[in-house]
Amino acid sequence: MNATYFLADPNSVPSPALLFYKDVIRRNLASALAIAGDPNRLRPHVKTHKTREIVRMQLEAGVTKHKCATIAEAEMLASCGARDVLLAYPLVGPNCARLARLVKSFPSCQFSTTADHATSVAELSQAMHSAEQTVDVLLDVDVGQNRTGIAPGPEAIALYEQIARSPGLKAGGLHVYDGHLHQEDPTERHAAVHRQLDAVLALRSQLERKHLPVPRLVMGGTPTFPIYARMQLPGLELSPGTCFLHDHGYGSKFADLADFAPAALLLTRVISRPTPNRLTLDLGYKAVAGDPPAGKRLVLLDVPDVTPVLHNEEHYVVETPAAAKFPTGSVLYAVPTHICPTVALHKQALVVEQGRVTEKWDIVARDRALTI
């Protein structure tokens, strides 16, 4: 067992359980700050961990800006004392009025959000103006993922102009997420970033020539974080998220993220040995994210030559020639492939320091609503 993940008394931990290794989180945060060069350039995404405690660790390290995807996450950030929160998700329907209530409830926090369509801009403007509140709105720029956003061009300029003149809204800059860039070769990923960057910078110049303010460029996620960090662009903000807990998915692909290590593991137990070479674990897809393909959702530590066989709601079945070494009740540890949705499956994380569980952290923002 890797000494980093040693647990002195696993018998006190019911399984399956989510473990957070506090010292590794600290090291990952330090690595992110070193890559960014200045905490003021960081706008870390809270969606990976969803906990007050990690937010407070970031605040204590000098991070002043944060990013999130839900109103619950935004409320949690503000309740921790965050002063600048970007809700990077298109708001429609009742969520527009919820944001207005959030802005009113936390006057010491500067909130912002994103938009990519004229109808939602008008709806958000109506909600904010009716509540006598104001919020910054960043134009969500689509650079190829085709999930949300608007491509650079005349329509994007017209939408930004609409934001700037809408009651209750202020033009807040550009949000550029490139979650489709997963080239494992850092050189290829670097080239892909620069190919999309030209259109973004051209859009910024066109907006500024129209005397429209573009105070910030919120760029990238974890895979492109080191690439943007080497740039010196006015108003650039870096928004990695996964790297603070890290996972096998990114760790196995991106050599330039080697400064980060998995800080969240799953403790599981062998509950059955149905055949001589099979182990059945209590680690179903209610405990580990099921969005990677079956067989690729986790890596078991210290179990050799594993072949995944079956994954159900409460069971994970594998084959290994070493099955006889793991009798029923054996404790095993797994590194999730995708940590963000894995965390959201758990109500609490058990915090490990020096081999012992010292705290329990609530995964507060796994809920869609807190008080607003």
Protein backbone atom coordinates (compact mmCIF):
# COMPACT_ATOMS: atom_id res chain seq x y z
CA MET A 1 0.00 0.00 0.00
CA ASN A 2 1.30 3.44 -0.95
CA ALA A 3 2.31 5.15 2.29
CA THR A 4 0.40 8.28 1.22
CA TYR A 5 -2.88 6.41 1.44
CA PHE A 6 -2.17 4.29 4.50
CA LEU A 7 -5.10 4.03 6.89
CA ALA A 8 -4.21 2.73 10.35
CA ASP A 9 -7.68 1.60 11.39
CA PRO A 10 -9.83 0.79 8.34
CA ASN A 11 -12.06 -1.39 10.54
CA SER A 12 -13.65 1.79 11.87
CA VAL A 13 -14.77 2.83 8.37
CA PRO A 14 -17.96 1.34 6.88
CA SER A 15 -17.72 0.69 3.16
CA PRO A 16 -18.03 1.96 0.56
CA ALA A 17 -16.57 5.24 1.80
CA LEU A 18 -15.11 8.37 0.22
CA LEU A 19 -11.74 9.34 1.71
CA PHE A 20 -10.15 12.79 1.35
CA TYR A 21 -6.41 12.96 2.08
CA LYS A 22 -5.91 16.44 3.47
CA ASP A 23 -2.15 16.70 2.97
CA VAL A 24 -2.51 15.71 -0.69
CA ILE A 25 -5.20 18.37 -1.16
CA ARG A 26 -2.81 20.92 0.34
CA ARG A 27 -0.05 19.85 -2.06
CA ASN A 28 -2.38 19.98 -5.05
CA LEU A 29 -3.46 23.48 -4.09
CA ALA A 30 0.17 24.54 -3.74
CA SER A 31 0.93 23.08 -7.18
CA ALA A 32 -1.99 24.97 -8.74
CA LEU A 33 -0.78 28.22 -7.19
CA ALA A 34 2.75 27.59 -8.45
CA ILE A 35 1.52 26.94 -11.99
CA ALA A 36 -0.72 30.02 -11.96
CA GLY A 37 2.09 32.18 -10.58
CA ASP A 38 -0.31 34.39 -8.62
CA PRO A 39 -3.48 33.47 -6.69
CA ASN A 40 -5.23 36.43 -8.31
CA ARG A 41 -5.01 34.59 -11.65
CA LEU A 42 -6.89 31.58 -10.29
CA ARG A 43 -10.65 31.09 -10.41
CA PRO A 44 -10.92 27.44 -9.29
CA HIS A 45 -14.08 25.49 -10.04
CA VAL A 46 -15.88 24.16 -6.96
CA LYS A 47 -17.84 21.46 -8.81
CA THR A 48 -15.23 18.78 -8.14
CA HIS A 49 -15.26 18.81 -4.33
CA LYS A 50 -18.41 20.79 -3.38
CA THR A 51 -17.14 21.32 0.19
CA ARG A 52 -16.82 24.35 2.45
CA GLU A 53 -13.54 23.14 3.88
CA ILE A 54 -11.64 23.09 0.57
CA VAL A 55 -13.09 26.50 -0.30
CA ARG A 56 -11.70 27.82 2.99
CA MET A 57 -8.31 26.27 2.24
CA GLN A 58 -8.29 28.15 -1.06
CA LEU A 59 -9.35 31.41 0.59
CA GLU A 60 -6.57 31.05 3.18
CA ALA A 61 -4.10 30.53 0.32
CA GLY A 62 -5.07 33.89 -1.18
CA VAL A 63 -7.54 32.76 -3.85
CA THR A 64 -10.06 35.58 -4.29
CA LYS A 65 -12.19 34.36 -7.21
CA HIS A 66 -14.22 31.18 -7.64
CA LYS A 67 -16.29 29.40 -10.28
CA CYS A 68 -19.27 27.08 -9.96
CA ALA A 69 -22.07 25.44 -11.94
CA THR A 70 -25.13 25.59 -9.66
CA ILE A 71 -26.86 28.15 -7.48
CA ALA A 72 -26.30 25.85 -4.51
CA GLU A 73 -22.55 25.89 -5.18
CA ALA A 74 -22.65 29.68 -5.52
CA GLU A 75 -24.49 30.00 -2.21
CA MET A 76 -22.02 27.69 -0.48
CA LEU A 77 -19.11 29.77 -1.80
CA ALA A 78 -20.65 33.04 -0.65
CA SER A 79 -21.48 31.59 2.77
CA CYS A 80 -17.78 30.71 3.17
CA GLY A 81 -16.78 34.33 2.57
CA ALA A 82 -15.93 34.18 -1.14
CA ARG A 83 -16.10 37.70 -2.57
CA ASP A 84 -16.19 36.97 -6.31
CA VAL A 85 -18.25 34.03 -7.67
CA LEU A 86 -18.88 33.16 -11.30
CA LEU A 87 -21.86 30.88 -11.91
CA ALA A 88 -20.77 29.50 -15.29
CA TYR A 89 -24.03 27.93 -16.37
CA PRO A 90 -26.88 29.25 -18.54
CA LEU A 91 -29.73 30.41 -16.30
CA VAL A 92 -33.30 29.95 -17.50
CA GLY A 93 -36.72 29.70 -15.88
CA PRO A 94 -36.93 30.04 -12.08
CA ASN A 95 -33.14 30.02 -11.73
CA CYS A 96 -33.03 33.63 -12.95
CA ALA A 97 -35.11 34.79 -9.97
CA ARG A 98 -33.09 32.51 -7.67
CA LEU A 99 -29.90 34.28 -8.76
CA ALA A 100 -31.51 37.64 -8.04
CA ARG A 101 -32.37 36.44 -4.52
CA LEU A 102 -28.83 35.15 -4.08
CA VAL A 103 -27.31 38.49 -5.10
CA LYS A 104 -29.59 40.29 -2.64
CA SER A 105 -28.80 37.84 0.18
CA PHE A 106 -25.01 38.19 -0.09
CA PRO A 107 -24.29 41.87 -0.83
CA SER A 108 -20.57 41.50 0.01
CA CYS A 109 -20.09 38.98 -2.81
CA GLN A 110 -19.76 40.02 -6.45
CA PHE A 111 -21.70 37.47 -8.49
CA SER A 112 -21.49 36.93 -12.21
CA THR A 113 -22.93 34.44 -14.65
CA THR A 114 -22.76 33.46 -18.31
CA ALA A 115 -25.17 33.70 -21.24
CA ASP A 116 -25.23 32.55 -24.84
CA HIS A 117 -28.72 33.37 -26.14
CA ALA A 118 -30.83 36.51 -26.51
CA THR A 119 -33.91 34.98 -24.90
CA SER A 120 -32.11 33.94 -21.73
CA VAL A 121 -30.40 37.36 -21.54
CA ALA A 122 -33.81 39.04 -21.66
CA GLU A 123 -35.22 36.66 -19.03
CA LEU A 124 -32.27 37.23 -16.69
CA SER A 125 -32.50 41.00 -17.20
CA GLN A 126 -36.20 40.96 -16.27
CA ALA A 127 -35.52 38.98 -13.09
CA MET A 128 -32.61 41.16 -11.95
CA HIS A 129 -34.32 44.45 -12.81
CA SER A 130 -37.53 43.41 -11.01
CA ALA A 131 -35.48 42.58 -7.91
CA GLU A 132 -33.54 45.86 -8.20
CA GLN A 133 -30.26 43.94 -8.41
CA THR A 134 -27.36 43.93 -10.87
CA VAL A 135 -25.13 41.10 -12.00
CA ASP A 136 -22.18 40.83 -14.36
CA VAL A 137 -22.80 38.57 -17.35
CA LEU A 138 -19.95 36.99 -19.30
CA LEU A 139 -20.52 35.95 -22.89
CA ASP A 140 -20.15 32.17 -23.08
CA VAL A 141 -17.95 31.63 -26.15
CA ASP A 142 -18.14 28.31 -27.98
CA VAL A 143 -14.70 27.34 -29.28
CA GLY A 144 -15.60 23.87 -30.48
CA GLN A 145 -17.22 21.81 -27.74
CA ASN A 146 -20.71 22.69 -29.00
CA ARG A 147 -22.26 22.18 -25.58
CA THR A 148 -23.12 25.76 -24.66
CA GLY A 149 -21.87 29.08 -25.96
CA ILE A 150 -21.96 31.17 -29.09
CA ALA A 151 -19.24 31.11 -31.73
CA PRO A 152 -17.12 34.25 -32.20
CA GLY A 153 -18.60 36.44 -34.91
CA PRO A 154 -21.27 39.09 -35.59
CA GLU A 155 -23.97 37.25 -33.57
CA ALA A 156 -21.68 37.09 -30.56
CA ILE A 157 -20.99 40.81 -30.81
CA ALA A 158 -24.72 41.57 -31.03
CA LEU A 159 -25.42 39.43 -27.97
CA TYR A 160 -22.69 41.15 -25.96
CA GLU A 161 -24.19 44.49 -26.94
CA GLN A 162 -27.57 43.25 -25.70
CA ILE A 163 -26.03 42.28 -22.36
CA ALA A 164 -24.39 45.71 -22.03
CA ARG A 165 -27.63 47.62 -22.59
CA SER A 166 -29.97 45.34 -20.59
CA PRO A 167 -31.31 46.63 -17.24
CA GLY A 168 -29.88 44.75 -14.29
CA LEU A 169 -26.96 43.36 -16.29
CA LYS A 170 -23.37 44.47 -16.88
CA ALA A 171 -21.08 43.19 -19.60
CA GLY A 172 -18.49 41.18 -17.65
CA GLY A 173 -16.13 39.69 -20.23
CA LEU A 174 -15.74 36.36 -21.99
CA HIS A 175 -16.02 32.81 -20.66
CA VAL A 176 -14.15 30.25 -22.77
CA TYR A 177 -14.36 26.59 -21.76
CA ASP A 178 -12.59 24.05 -23.95
CA GLY A 179 -13.58 20.71 -22.45
CA HIS A 180 -13.17 19.03 -25.85
CA LEU A 181 -9.39 19.46 -25.82
CA HIS A 182 -8.06 16.18 -24.43
CA GLN A 183 -4.98 15.61 -26.56
CA GLU A 184 -2.58 13.57 -24.47
CA ASP A 185 0.46 15.04 -26.21
CA PRO A 186 1.09 18.44 -24.53
CA THR A 187 2.44 19.85 -27.80
CA GLU A 188 -0.74 18.92 -29.67
CA ARG A 189 -2.93 20.32 -26.89
CA HIS A 190 -0.88 23.52 -26.86
CA ALA A 191 -1.37 23.94 -30.62
CA ALA A 192 -5.12 23.33 -30.30
CA VAL A 193 -5.42 26.01 -27.60
CA HIS A 194 -3.64 28.55 -29.75
CA ARG A 195 -5.79 27.72 -32.78
CA GLN A 196 -8.94 28.63 -30.88
CA LEU A 197 -7.39 31.59 -29.07
CA ASP A 198 -7.01 33.76 -32.18
CA ALA A 199 -10.79 33.97 -32.67
CA VAL A 200 -11.36 34.79 -28.98
CA LEU A 201 -8.81 37.60 -28.97
CA ALA A 202 -10.22 38.96 -32.24
CA LEU A 203 -13.68 39.00 -30.66
CA ARG A 204 -12.33 40.86 -27.64
CA SER A 205 -10.69 43.47 -29.89
CA GLN A 206 -13.90 43.96 -31.87
CA LEU A 207 -15.90 44.49 -28.68
CA GLU A 208 -13.38 46.96 -27.30
CA ARG A 209 -13.41 48.92 -30.56
CA LYS A 210 -17.14 49.34 -29.95
CA HIS A 211 -16.26 50.74 -26.50
CA LEU A 212 -17.70 47.70 -24.76
CA PRO A 213 -15.73 46.66 -21.66
CA VAL A 214 -14.21 43.16 -21.60
CA PRO A 215 -12.70 43.13 -18.11
CA ARG A 216 -11.92 39.41 -17.88
CA LEU A 217 -11.21 36.30 -19.92
CA VAL A 218 -12.07 33.15 -17.94
CA MET A 219 -10.24 30.44 -19.87
CA GLY A 220 -10.02 26.67 -19.90
CA GLY A 221 -10.32 23.81 -17.44
CA THR A 222 -7.81 21.43 -15.88
CA PRO A 223 -6.27 19.89 -19.07
CA THR A 224 -5.51 23.32 -20.58
CA PHE A 225 -4.68 25.02 -17.27
CA PRO A 226 -0.86 24.74 -17.63
CA ILE A 227 -1.04 26.10 -21.19
CA TYR A 228 -3.05 29.21 -20.36
CA ALA A 229 -0.95 29.73 -17.22
CA ARG A 230 2.06 30.50 -19.42
CA MET A 231 0.18 33.31 -21.15
CA GLN A 232 0.17 36.93 -20.08
CA LEU A 233 -3.18 38.19 -21.33
CA PRO A 234 -4.92 41.20 -19.74
CA GLY A 235 -7.72 40.03 -17.48
CA LEU A 236 -6.87 36.33 -17.86
CA GLU A 237 -8.34 34.04 -15.19
CA LEU A 238 -7.58 30.31 -14.97
CA SER A 239 -10.33 27.95 -13.87
CA PRO A 240 -9.13 24.41 -13.21
CA GLY A 241 -11.29 22.21 -10.99
CA THR A 242 -10.43 18.52 -11.05
CA CYS A 243 -6.78 18.97 -10.14
CA PHE A 244 -7.48 19.81 -6.48
CA LEU A 245 -8.66 16.25 -5.88
CA HIS A 246 -7.36 14.82 -9.16
CA ASP A 247 -8.31 11.40 -10.51
CA HIS A 248 -7.12 8.51 -12.64
CA GLY A 249 -8.81 9.88 -15.77
CA TYR A 250 -6.60 12.96 -15.97
CA GLY A 251 -3.62 11.44 -14.18
CA SER A 252 -3.30 8.65 -16.76
CA LYS A 253 -3.57 10.96 -19.77
CA PHE A 254 -1.78 14.22 -19.11
CA ALA A 255 1.93 14.06 -18.29
CA ASP A 256 2.04 17.83 -17.80
CA LEU A 257 -0.31 17.45 -14.80
CA ALA A 258 2.22 15.27 -12.97
CA ASP A 259 2.46 17.80 -10.13
CA PHE A 260 -1.02 16.69 -9.01
CA ALA A 261 -1.86 13.44 -7.21
CA PRO A 262 -5.16 11.73 -6.35
CA ALA A 263 -6.41 13.16 -3.08
CA ALA A 264 -9.71 11.26 -2.99
CA LEU A 265 -9.95 7.48 -2.82
CA LEU A 266 -12.74 5.00 -2.25
CA LEU A 267 -12.49 2.40 0.49
CA THR A 268 -14.23 -0.85 -0.44
CA ARG A 269 -14.38 -4.44 0.83
CA VAL A 270 -14.51 -7.87 -0.66
CA ILE A 271 -18.03 -9.11 0.09
CA SER A 272 -17.88 -12.37 -1.87
CA ARG A 273 -15.59 -14.70 -3.82
CA PRO A 274 -18.09 -16.45 -6.12
CA THR A 275 -15.37 -18.30 -8.08
CA PRO A 276 -11.71 -19.01 -7.27
CA ASN A 277 -10.48 -16.09 -9.39
CA ARG A 278 -13.30 -13.60 -8.74
CA LEU A 279 -13.75 -10.86 -6.17
CA THR A 280 -17.03 -9.06 -5.59
CA LEU A 281 -16.69 -5.64 -3.96
CA ASP A 282 -19.28 -3.33 -2.39
CA LEU A 283 -18.43 -0.60 -4.89
CA GLY A 284 -21.36 -0.28 -7.25
CA TYR A 285 -22.09 2.67 -9.47
CA LYS A 286 -24.01 4.30 -6.62
CA ALA A 287 -20.58 4.89 -5.05
CA VAL A 288 -18.35 5.59 -8.07
CA ALA A 289 -19.21 7.57 -11.18
CA GLY A 290 -20.73 5.51 -13.95
CA ASP A 291 -20.02 7.93 -16.80
CA PRO A 292 -16.73 6.35 -17.96
CA PRO A 293 -17.37 3.14 -19.91
CA ALA A 294 -17.86 -0.03 -17.88
CA GLY A 295 -14.52 -1.49 -16.88
CA LYS A 296 -12.82 1.92 -16.86
CA ARG A 297 -14.48 3.58 -13.88
CA LEU A 298 -11.76 3.01 -11.30
CA VAL A 299 -8.34 1.54 -10.61
CA LEU A 300 -7.87 -0.85 -7.70
CA LEU A 301 -4.64 -0.35 -5.78
CA ASP A 302 -2.49 -3.35 -4.86
CA VAL A 303 -4.59 -5.90 -6.77
CA PRO A 304 -2.57 -7.36 -9.67
CA ASP A 305 -3.81 -8.17 -13.18
CA VAL A 306 -7.38 -7.02 -12.63
CA THR A 307 -10.01 -7.76 -15.28
CA PRO A 308 -13.34 -5.99 -14.64
CA VAL A 309 -16.30 -8.34 -15.19
CA LEU A 310 -19.50 -6.73 -13.93
CA HIS A 311 -20.65 -3.44 -12.44
CA ASN A 312 -24.09 -3.03 -10.88
CA GLU A 313 -25.70 -0.59 -8.48
CA GLU A 314 -24.10 -2.14 -5.38
CA HIS A 315 -21.56 -4.62 -6.77
CA TYR A 316 -18.24 -4.48 -8.60
CA VAL A 317 -16.95 -7.85 -9.81
CA VAL A 318 -13.39 -8.39 -11.00
CA GLU A 319 -11.18 -11.33 -11.84
CA THR A 320 -7.56 -11.61 -10.72
CA PRO A 321 -5.16 -14.55 -10.47
CA ALA A 322 -4.40 -13.27 -6.96
CA ALA A 323 -7.99 -13.58 -5.71
CA ALA A 324 -6.97 -16.10 -3.02
CA LYS A 325 -4.93 -13.35 -1.33
CA PHE A 326 -8.08 -11.32 -0.64
CA PRO A 327 -10.50 -13.21 1.64
CA THR A 328 -14.00 -11.95 2.31
CA GLY A 329 -13.83 -8.74 4.34
CA SER A 330 -10.50 -7.60 2.87
CA VAL A 331 -10.17 -3.82 2.61
CA LEU A 332 -9.21 -2.44 -0.80
CA TYR A 333 -8.71 1.08 -2.13
CA ALA A 334 -9.75 2.48 -5.49
CA VAL A 335 -8.84 5.63 -7.43
CA PRO A 336 -11.91 6.88 -9.36
CA THR A 337 -11.50 7.65 -13.04
CA HIS A 338 -13.87 10.63 -12.79
CA ILE A 339 -13.80 12.17 -9.35
CA CYS A 340 -16.29 15.04 -9.82
CA PRO A 341 -19.52 12.98 -10.11
CA THR A 342 -18.09 10.38 -7.73
CA VAL A 343 -17.90 12.97 -4.92
CA ALA A 344 -21.50 13.99 -5.59
CA LEU A 345 -22.65 10.42 -4.84
CA HIS A 346 -21.49 10.70 -1.22
CA LYS A 347 -23.04 12.70 1.61
CA GLN A 348 -19.73 13.00 3.45
CA ALA A 349 -16.03 12.53 2.93
CA LEU A 350 -13.87 11.07 5.69
CA VAL A 351 -10.73 13.18 6.03
CA VAL A 352 -7.49 11.29 6.56
CA GLU A 353 -4.38 12.81 8.15
CA GLN A 354 -1.30 10.82 9.12
CA GLY A 355 -3.13 7.57 8.57
CA ARG A 356 -6.18 8.35 10.69
CA VAL A 357 -9.64 9.72 10.06
CA THR A 358 -9.72 13.10 11.78
CA GLU A 359 -12.80 14.83 10.35
CA LYS A 360 -15.96 14.38 8.33
CA TRP A 361 -16.65 16.94 5.62
CA ASP A 362 -20.17 17.32 4.28
CA ILE A 363 -20.48 17.39 0.50
CA VAL A 364 -22.75 20.39 0.96
CA ALA A 365 -23.32 21.43 -2.63
CA ARG A 366 -24.27 17.99 -3.92
CA ASP A 367 -27.82 19.27 -3.40
CA ARG A 368 -29.42 21.48 -6.05
CA ALA A 369 -30.70 23.96 -3.45
CA LEU A 370 -29.51 25.07 -0.02
CA THR A 371 -31.68 27.94 1.22
CA ILE A 372 -32.32 29.77 -2.08
